Amino acid sequence: MAVGYGHEMGAPTGEGSAAGILEFDGVTRRFSGMSRPAVDDFTLTVPAGKVVVLIGPSGCGKTTAMISALR
């Protein structure tokens, strides 16, 4: 599991720069006492300066995935 993010939104500062990139790579998030993971094998890359909207039914892990980016 890898969760990475750049330090600010905006255009990358150079070749191979991670500034502003939000990336999830096979993220699984489990809460104690739950039989299933809240988020299972979630992969997403958001390039610098792009806006992404997560859409899905209640309880599918949208908020849990985004909170994971803040940790």
N, C-alpha and C. Protein backbone atom coordinates (compact mmCIF):
# COMPACT_ATOMS: atom_id res chain seq x y z
N MET A 1 0.84 -1.18 0.00
CA MET A 1 0.00 0.00 0.00
C MET A 1 0.87 1.23 0.00
N ALA A 2 0.56 2.17 -0.87
CA ALA A 2 1.28 3.43 -0.91
C ALA A 2 0.28 4.55 -1.11
N VAL A 3 0.39 5.58 -0.32
CA VAL A 3 -0.41 6.78 -0.50
C VAL A 3 0.57 7.93 -0.54
N GLY A 4 0.55 8.68 -1.61
CA GLY A 4 1.47 9.80 -1.72
C GLY A 4 0.74 11.03 -2.23
N TYR A 5 1.28 12.18 -1.90
CA TYR A 5 0.69 13.41 -2.41
C TYR A 5 1.74 14.50 -2.41
N GLY A 6 1.60 15.42 -3.36
CA GLY A 6 2.49 16.55 -3.45
C GLY A 6 2.19 17.58 -2.38
N HIS A 7 3.05 18.56 -2.26
CA HIS A 7 2.90 19.54 -1.19
C HIS A 7 1.93 20.66 -1.52
N GLU A 8 1.56 20.82 -2.77
CA GLU A 8 0.63 21.88 -3.13
C GLU A 8 -0.01 21.56 -4.47
N MET A 9 -1.15 22.17 -4.73
CA MET A 9 -1.79 21.99 -6.03
C MET A 9 -1.16 22.96 -7.00
N GLY A 10 -1.10 22.57 -8.23
CA GLY A 10 -0.54 23.42 -9.27
C GLY A 10 0.24 22.58 -10.25
N ALA A 11 0.85 23.25 -11.19
CA ALA A 11 1.62 22.55 -12.22
C ALA A 11 2.88 21.94 -11.61
N PRO A 12 3.28 20.77 -12.13
CA PRO A 12 4.53 20.18 -11.66
C PRO A 12 5.69 21.14 -11.87
N THR A 13 6.66 21.08 -10.98
CA THR A 13 7.78 22.01 -11.04
C THR A 13 8.87 21.54 -11.98
N GLY A 14 8.81 20.29 -12.46
CA GLY A 14 9.82 19.81 -13.38
C GLY A 14 9.59 18.35 -13.73
N GLU A 15 10.40 17.83 -14.63
CA GLU A 15 10.28 16.44 -15.05
C GLU A 15 10.33 15.50 -13.86
N GLY A 16 9.33 14.62 -13.72
CA GLY A 16 9.32 13.66 -12.63
C GLY A 16 8.91 14.23 -11.28
N SER A 17 8.50 15.47 -11.23
CA SER A 17 8.11 16.09 -9.97
C SER A 17 6.77 15.55 -9.49
N ALA A 18 6.60 15.43 -8.17
CA ALA A 18 5.34 14.95 -7.60
C ALA A 18 4.50 16.08 -7.04
N ALA A 19 4.87 17.33 -7.27
CA ALA A 19 4.14 18.47 -6.72
C ALA A 19 2.70 18.45 -7.21
N GLY A 20 1.76 18.38 -6.29
CA GLY A 20 0.35 18.44 -6.61
C GLY A 20 -0.28 17.13 -7.02
N ILE A 21 0.47 16.06 -7.11
CA ILE A 21 -0.08 14.78 -7.52
C ILE A 21 -0.64 14.05 -6.29
N LEU A 22 -1.82 13.49 -6.44
CA LEU A 22 -2.41 12.64 -5.40
C LEU A 22 -2.47 11.24 -5.96
N GLU A 23 -1.87 10.28 -5.26
CA GLU A 23 -1.81 8.93 -5.78
C GLU A 23 -2.12 7.90 -4.70
N PHE A 24 -3.02 6.99 -5.02
CA PHE A 24 -3.31 5.83 -4.18
C PHE A 24 -2.90 4.61 -5.00
N ASP A 25 -2.21 3.67 -4.39
CA ASP A 25 -1.77 2.48 -5.10
C ASP A 25 -2.11 1.24 -4.28
N GLY A 26 -3.22 0.61 -4.60
CA GLY A 26 -3.64 -0.61 -3.92
C GLY A 26 -3.97 -0.42 -2.46
N VAL A 27 -4.58 0.70 -2.11
CA VAL A 27 -4.88 1.02 -0.71
C VAL A 27 -6.05 0.18 -0.20
N THR A 28 -5.85 -0.41 0.98
CA THR A 28 -6.92 -1.12 1.68
C THR A 28 -7.01 -0.54 3.08
N ARG A 29 -8.19 -0.21 3.51
CA ARG A 29 -8.39 0.37 4.84
C ARG A 29 -9.39 -0.47 5.60
N ARG A 30 -9.01 -0.95 6.77
CA ARG A 30 -9.89 -1.79 7.59
C ARG A 30 -10.13 -1.10 8.94
N PHE A 31 -11.32 -1.30 9.46
CA PHE A 31 -11.66 -0.82 10.79
C PHE A 31 -11.88 -2.03 11.68
N SER A 32 -11.44 -1.96 12.92
CA SER A 32 -11.59 -3.09 13.83
C SER A 32 -13.08 -3.43 14.02
N GLY A 33 -13.34 -4.71 14.12
CA GLY A 33 -14.70 -5.18 14.33
C GLY A 33 -15.53 -5.31 13.06
N MET A 34 -14.97 -4.94 11.92
CA MET A 34 -15.71 -5.03 10.66
C MET A 34 -15.23 -6.25 9.88
N SER A 35 -16.16 -6.97 9.27
CA SER A 35 -15.80 -8.19 8.54
C SER A 35 -15.21 -7.88 7.17
N ARG A 36 -15.57 -6.75 6.59
CA ARG A 36 -15.05 -6.36 5.27
C ARG A 36 -14.26 -5.06 5.38
N PRO A 37 -13.28 -4.85 4.51
CA PRO A 37 -12.56 -3.59 4.52
C PRO A 37 -13.47 -2.44 4.07
N ALA A 38 -13.24 -1.26 4.61
CA ALA A 38 -14.00 -0.08 4.19
C ALA A 38 -13.58 0.34 2.79
N VAL A 39 -12.30 0.17 2.48
CA VAL A 39 -11.74 0.45 1.16
C VAL A 39 -10.85 -0.74 0.83
N ASP A 40 -11.00 -1.31 -0.36
CA ASP A 40 -10.24 -2.51 -0.72
C ASP A 40 -9.57 -2.35 -2.08
N ASP A 41 -8.23 -2.35 -2.08
CA ASP A 41 -7.42 -2.30 -3.30
C ASP A 41 -7.76 -1.10 -4.17
N PHE A 42 -7.81 0.08 -3.57
CA PHE A 42 -8.16 1.33 -4.25
C PHE A 42 -6.93 1.92 -4.91
N THR A 43 -7.00 2.16 -6.21
CA THR A 43 -5.90 2.76 -6.96
C THR A 43 -6.44 3.95 -7.73
N LEU A 44 -5.76 5.10 -7.60
CA LEU A 44 -6.19 6.32 -8.28
C LEU A 44 -5.00 7.26 -8.37
N THR A 45 -4.82 7.90 -9.52
CA THR A 45 -3.81 8.95 -9.67
C THR A 45 -4.51 10.19 -10.17
N VAL A 46 -4.34 11.31 -9.46
CA VAL A 46 -4.91 12.59 -9.86
C VAL A 46 -3.74 13.50 -10.23
N PRO A 47 -3.60 13.84 -11.50
CA PRO A 47 -2.50 14.72 -11.91
C PRO A 47 -2.65 16.12 -11.32
N ALA A 48 -1.53 16.82 -11.24
CA ALA A 48 -1.52 18.18 -10.71
C ALA A 48 -2.50 19.06 -11.47
N GLY A 49 -3.27 19.84 -10.72
CA GLY A 49 -4.19 20.80 -11.31
C GLY A 49 -5.52 20.22 -11.77
N LYS A 50 -5.72 18.92 -11.65
CA LYS A 50 -6.97 18.30 -12.10
C LYS A 50 -7.94 18.15 -10.93
N VAL A 51 -9.21 18.14 -11.24
CA VAL A 51 -10.26 17.96 -10.25
C VAL A 51 -10.92 16.62 -10.52
N VAL A 52 -11.12 15.83 -9.47
CA VAL A 52 -11.77 14.54 -9.59
C VAL A 52 -12.92 14.49 -8.61
N VAL A 53 -14.02 13.90 -9.03
CA VAL A 53 -15.20 13.74 -8.19
C VAL A 53 -15.43 12.24 -8.00
N LEU A 54 -15.53 11.82 -6.74
CA LEU A 54 -15.85 10.42 -6.45
C LEU A 54 -17.36 10.31 -6.28
N ILE A 55 -17.95 9.42 -7.05
CA ILE A 55 -19.40 9.22 -7.02
C ILE A 55 -19.67 7.76 -6.70
N GLY A 56 -20.58 7.52 -5.78
CA GLY A 56 -20.95 6.15 -5.46
C GLY A 56 -22.00 6.15 -4.37
N PRO A 57 -22.55 4.99 -4.10
CA PRO A 57 -23.60 4.89 -3.09
C PRO A 57 -23.06 5.15 -1.68
N SER A 58 -23.95 5.44 -0.79
CA SER A 58 -23.61 5.65 0.61
C SER A 58 -22.92 4.42 1.16
N GLY A 59 -21.80 4.64 1.86
CA GLY A 59 -21.09 3.55 2.51
C GLY A 59 -20.10 2.82 1.64
N CYS A 60 -19.81 3.32 0.43
CA CYS A 60 -18.90 2.58 -0.46
C CYS A 60 -17.43 2.93 -0.25
N GLY A 61 -17.12 3.91 0.63
CA GLY A 61 -15.72 4.21 0.95
C GLY A 61 -15.16 5.50 0.38
N LYS A 62 -16.01 6.35 -0.19
CA LYS A 62 -15.53 7.61 -0.78
C LYS A 62 -14.84 8.48 0.26
N THR A 63 -15.50 8.74 1.35
CA THR A 63 -14.94 9.60 2.40
C THR A 63 -13.75 8.94 3.06
N THR A 64 -13.83 7.66 3.32
CA THR A 64 -12.71 6.94 3.95
C THR A 64 -11.47 7.03 3.08
N ALA A 65 -11.62 6.89 1.78
CA ALA A 65 -10.47 6.99 0.87
C ALA A 65 -9.85 8.38 0.94
N MET A 66 -10.67 9.42 0.94
CA MET A 66 -10.13 10.78 0.95
C MET A 66 -9.52 11.14 2.31
N ILE A 67 -10.10 10.65 3.39
CA ILE A 67 -9.51 10.89 4.71
C ILE A 67 -8.14 10.23 4.80
N SER A 68 -7.98 9.08 4.14
CA SER A 68 -6.70 8.39 4.13
C SER A 68 -5.61 9.26 3.51
N ALA A 69 -5.97 10.11 2.57
CA ALA A 69 -4.99 10.99 1.93
C ALA A 69 -4.46 12.04 2.91
N LEU A 70 -5.23 12.35 3.92
CA LEU A 70 -4.84 13.39 4.89
C LEU A 70 -3.95 12.85 6.00
N ARG A 71 -3.79 11.55 6.09
CA ARG A 71 -2.99 10.93 7.16
C ARG A 71 -1.57 10.82 6.75
